[in-house]
Amino acid sequence: MKKSLLYSYGFLIFLTLITALVSNSIIMSTFAVSLIMLFSAVKFLLVAFQFMELKKANSFWKMSLSLILGLMILLIIFIV
């Protein structure tokens, strides 16, 4: 198995634990929601590019995925 996949998996676990700590320790403010959304976006992109092999896809799909993700996160942050 590739070492990069193991490092990615370990980083995903680390981000999940940090997200759980942030959600349990900070009163749900805009900052906490923004931080959790940032961690979720990083995890989403890591899974998409590492495990779903989006890094080998056409640049159109890479850019459209990143753009839609950014718009969704901004929309959620502004609603909250």
N, C-alpha and C. Protein backbone atom coordinates (compact mmCIF):
# COMPACT_ATOMS: atom_id res chain seq x y z
N MET A 1 0.84 -1.19 0.00
CA MET A 1 0.00 0.00 0.00
C MET A 1 0.89 1.25 0.00
N LYS A 2 0.44 2.28 -0.69
CA LYS A 2 1.23 3.49 -0.80
C LYS A 2 1.27 4.24 0.53
N LYS A 3 2.43 4.80 0.82
CA LYS A 3 2.57 5.57 2.05
C LYS A 3 1.73 6.84 2.02
N SER A 4 1.56 7.43 0.85
CA SER A 4 0.78 8.66 0.76
C SER A 4 -0.68 8.43 1.15
N LEU A 5 -1.21 7.25 0.83
CA LEU A 5 -2.58 6.93 1.22
C LEU A 5 -2.70 6.78 2.74
N LEU A 6 -1.69 6.18 3.35
CA LEU A 6 -1.69 6.03 4.80
C LEU A 6 -1.57 7.39 5.49
N TYR A 7 -0.74 8.26 4.95
CA TYR A 7 -0.61 9.60 5.52
C TYR A 7 -1.92 10.37 5.36
N SER A 8 -2.55 10.22 4.21
CA SER A 8 -3.83 10.89 3.99
C SER A 8 -4.89 10.38 4.95
N TYR A 9 -4.92 9.08 5.14
CA TYR A 9 -5.89 8.48 6.07
C TYR A 9 -5.64 8.96 7.50
N GLY A 10 -4.39 9.02 7.90
CA GLY A 10 -4.05 9.53 9.23
C GLY A 10 -4.44 10.99 9.39
N PHE A 11 -4.23 11.78 8.36
CA PHE A 11 -4.60 13.19 8.42
C PHE A 11 -6.11 13.36 8.48
N LEU A 12 -6.85 12.49 7.79
CA LEU A 12 -8.31 12.53 7.86
C LEU A 12 -8.79 12.21 9.28
N ILE A 13 -8.18 11.24 9.91
CA ILE A 13 -8.54 10.92 11.29
C ILE A 13 -8.22 12.09 12.21
N PHE A 14 -7.05 12.70 12.01
CA PHE A 14 -6.66 13.85 12.82
C PHE A 14 -7.65 14.99 12.66
N LEU A 15 -8.03 15.31 11.43
CA LEU A 15 -9.00 16.38 11.20
C LEU A 15 -10.36 16.07 11.80
N THR A 16 -10.75 14.81 11.76
CA THR A 16 -12.03 14.42 12.36
C THR A 16 -11.99 14.62 13.87
N LEU A 17 -10.89 14.25 14.50
CA LEU A 17 -10.77 14.44 15.95
C LEU A 17 -10.75 15.92 16.32
N ILE A 18 -10.04 16.73 15.55
CA ILE A 18 -10.00 18.17 15.80
C ILE A 18 -11.39 18.78 15.62
N THR A 19 -12.11 18.34 14.61
CA THR A 19 -13.48 18.84 14.39
C THR A 19 -14.38 18.49 15.57
N ALA A 20 -14.25 17.27 16.07
CA ALA A 20 -15.05 16.86 17.23
C ALA A 20 -14.70 17.70 18.45
N LEU A 21 -13.43 17.98 18.65
CA LEU A 21 -13.02 18.80 19.80
C LEU A 21 -13.55 20.23 19.68
N VAL A 22 -13.48 20.79 18.49
CA VAL A 22 -13.97 22.15 18.27
C VAL A 22 -15.47 22.22 18.49
N SER A 23 -16.19 21.22 18.00
CA SER A 23 -17.65 21.26 18.13
C SER A 23 -18.09 21.05 19.57
N ASN A 24 -17.29 20.37 20.38
CA ASN A 24 -17.66 20.13 21.77
C ASN A 24 -17.18 21.21 22.73
N SER A 25 -16.13 21.94 22.37
CA SER A 25 -15.54 22.86 23.34
C SER A 25 -15.91 24.32 23.13
N ILE A 26 -16.22 24.69 21.94
CA ILE A 26 -16.51 26.10 21.65
C ILE A 26 -18.02 26.26 21.50
N ILE A 27 -18.54 27.35 22.09
CA ILE A 27 -19.94 27.66 21.87
C ILE A 27 -20.13 27.92 20.38
N MET A 28 -21.20 27.40 19.83
CA MET A 28 -21.42 27.49 18.39
C MET A 28 -21.55 28.95 17.94
N SER A 29 -20.45 29.50 17.56
CA SER A 29 -20.42 30.85 17.01
C SER A 29 -20.10 30.77 15.53
N THR A 30 -20.07 31.91 14.91
CA THR A 30 -19.74 31.93 13.49
C THR A 30 -18.31 31.44 13.26
N PHE A 31 -17.43 31.75 14.19
CA PHE A 31 -16.04 31.29 14.07
C PHE A 31 -15.96 29.78 14.14
N ALA A 32 -16.68 29.17 15.08
CA ALA A 32 -16.66 27.71 15.22
C ALA A 32 -17.24 27.04 13.98
N VAL A 33 -18.33 27.58 13.47
CA VAL A 33 -18.94 27.02 12.27
C VAL A 33 -17.98 27.15 11.09
N SER A 34 -17.33 28.29 10.98
CA SER A 34 -16.37 28.51 9.88
C SER A 34 -15.20 27.53 9.98
N LEU A 35 -14.73 27.31 11.19
CA LEU A 35 -13.61 26.39 11.40
C LEU A 35 -14.01 24.96 11.05
N ILE A 36 -15.19 24.56 11.48
CA ILE A 36 -15.66 23.22 11.17
C ILE A 36 -15.87 23.05 9.67
N MET A 37 -16.40 24.08 9.01
CA MET A 37 -16.59 24.01 7.56
C MET A 37 -15.25 23.96 6.83
N LEU A 38 -14.26 24.67 7.32
CA LEU A 38 -12.93 24.62 6.72
C LEU A 38 -12.34 23.22 6.82
N PHE A 39 -12.43 22.62 8.01
CA PHE A 39 -11.92 21.26 8.19
C PHE A 39 -12.68 20.28 7.29
N SER A 40 -13.98 20.47 7.18
CA SER A 40 -14.78 19.58 6.33
C SER A 40 -14.39 19.72 4.86
N ALA A 41 -14.12 20.94 4.44
CA ALA A 41 -13.71 21.17 3.05
C ALA A 41 -12.36 20.51 2.75
N VAL A 42 -11.44 20.63 3.69
CA VAL A 42 -10.13 20.01 3.50
C VAL A 42 -10.29 18.49 3.43
N LYS A 43 -11.12 17.93 4.30
CA LYS A 43 -11.35 16.49 4.27
C LYS A 43 -12.01 16.06 2.96
N PHE A 44 -12.98 16.84 2.50
CA PHE A 44 -13.65 16.52 1.24
C PHE A 44 -12.67 16.53 0.07
N LEU A 45 -11.85 17.56 -0.01
CA LEU A 45 -10.88 17.65 -1.10
C LEU A 45 -9.83 16.55 -1.02
N LEU A 46 -9.42 16.22 0.19
CA LEU A 46 -8.44 15.15 0.36
C LEU A 46 -9.00 13.81 -0.11
N VAL A 47 -10.23 13.52 0.26
CA VAL A 47 -10.85 12.27 -0.20
C VAL A 47 -11.03 12.29 -1.71
N ALA A 48 -11.49 13.40 -2.24
CA ALA A 48 -11.74 13.47 -3.68
C ALA A 48 -10.45 13.32 -4.49
N PHE A 49 -9.40 13.98 -4.06
CA PHE A 49 -8.17 13.96 -4.86
C PHE A 49 -7.32 12.72 -4.60
N GLN A 50 -7.29 12.22 -3.36
CA GLN A 50 -6.44 11.07 -3.05
C GLN A 50 -7.13 9.74 -3.34
N PHE A 51 -8.32 9.57 -2.77
CA PHE A 51 -8.95 8.26 -2.81
C PHE A 51 -9.85 8.06 -4.03
N MET A 52 -10.42 9.15 -4.55
CA MET A 52 -11.26 9.03 -5.75
C MET A 52 -10.46 9.37 -7.01
N GLU A 53 -9.20 9.68 -6.84
CA GLU A 53 -8.25 9.96 -7.92
C GLU A 53 -8.70 11.07 -8.85
N LEU A 54 -9.24 12.11 -8.26
CA LEU A 54 -9.62 13.27 -9.05
C LEU A 54 -8.39 14.00 -9.58
N LYS A 55 -7.23 13.76 -8.95
CA LYS A 55 -6.02 14.43 -9.42
C LYS A 55 -5.64 14.01 -10.84
N LYS A 56 -6.18 12.90 -11.31
CA LYS A 56 -5.91 12.45 -12.68
C LYS A 56 -6.98 12.91 -13.66
N ALA A 57 -8.01 13.58 -13.17
CA ALA A 57 -9.12 14.01 -14.02
C ALA A 57 -8.77 15.29 -14.78
N ASN A 58 -9.65 15.65 -15.68
CA ASN A 58 -9.50 16.88 -16.44
C ASN A 58 -9.55 18.09 -15.50
N SER A 59 -8.84 19.14 -15.85
CA SER A 59 -8.79 20.32 -14.97
C SER A 59 -10.16 20.98 -14.82
N PHE A 60 -11.05 20.81 -15.80
CA PHE A 60 -12.39 21.35 -15.68
C PHE A 60 -13.10 20.78 -14.46
N TRP A 61 -12.99 19.49 -14.25
CA TRP A 61 -13.66 18.85 -13.13
C TRP A 61 -13.03 19.25 -11.81
N LYS A 62 -11.73 19.42 -11.79
CA LYS A 62 -11.06 19.87 -10.57
C LYS A 62 -11.52 21.27 -10.17
N MET A 63 -11.54 22.16 -11.15
CA MET A 63 -11.93 23.54 -10.87
C MET A 63 -13.41 23.65 -10.53
N SER A 64 -14.25 22.92 -11.23
CA SER A 64 -15.69 23.01 -10.95
C SER A 64 -16.01 22.45 -9.56
N LEU A 65 -15.35 21.37 -9.17
CA LEU A 65 -15.57 20.81 -7.84
C LEU A 65 -15.13 21.79 -6.77
N SER A 66 -13.97 22.39 -6.95
CA SER A 66 -13.47 23.36 -5.96
C SER A 66 -14.35 24.60 -5.89
N LEU A 67 -14.82 25.06 -7.03
CA LEU A 67 -15.69 26.24 -7.06
C LEU A 67 -17.03 25.97 -6.38
N ILE A 68 -17.63 24.86 -6.68
CA ILE A 68 -18.92 24.51 -6.06
C ILE A 68 -18.74 24.33 -4.55
N LEU A 69 -17.66 23.68 -4.14
CA LEU A 69 -17.40 23.50 -2.71
C LEU A 69 -17.25 24.84 -2.02
N GLY A 70 -16.49 25.75 -2.61
CA GLY A 70 -16.32 27.07 -2.03
C GLY A 70 -17.63 27.84 -1.92
N LEU A 71 -18.44 27.76 -2.96
CA LEU A 71 -19.74 28.44 -2.93
C LEU A 71 -20.67 27.86 -1.87
N MET A 72 -20.68 26.55 -1.74
CA MET A 72 -21.52 25.91 -0.72
C MET A 72 -21.09 26.29 0.69
N ILE A 73 -19.79 26.33 0.93
CA ILE A 73 -19.30 26.69 2.26
C ILE A 73 -19.65 28.15 2.57
N LEU A 74 -19.43 29.03 1.61
CA LEU A 74 -19.79 30.44 1.85
C LEU A 74 -21.28 30.61 2.09
N LEU A 75 -22.09 29.88 1.36
CA LEU A 75 -23.53 29.95 1.56
C LEU A 75 -23.93 29.48 2.96
N ILE A 76 -23.35 28.40 3.42
CA ILE A 76 -23.66 27.88 4.75
C ILE A 76 -23.20 28.85 5.82
N ILE A 77 -22.02 29.41 5.66
CA ILE A 77 -21.49 30.36 6.67
C ILE A 77 -22.37 31.61 6.73
N PHE A 78 -22.80 32.12 5.58
CA PHE A 78 -23.63 33.33 5.59
C PHE A 78 -25.03 33.07 6.13
N ILE A 79 -25.55 31.85 5.95
CA ILE A 79 -26.86 31.52 6.51
C ILE A 79 -26.80 31.43 8.03
N VAL A 80 -25.72 30.85 8.53
CA VAL A 80 -25.58 30.71 9.99
C VAL A 80 -25.18 32.06 10.54
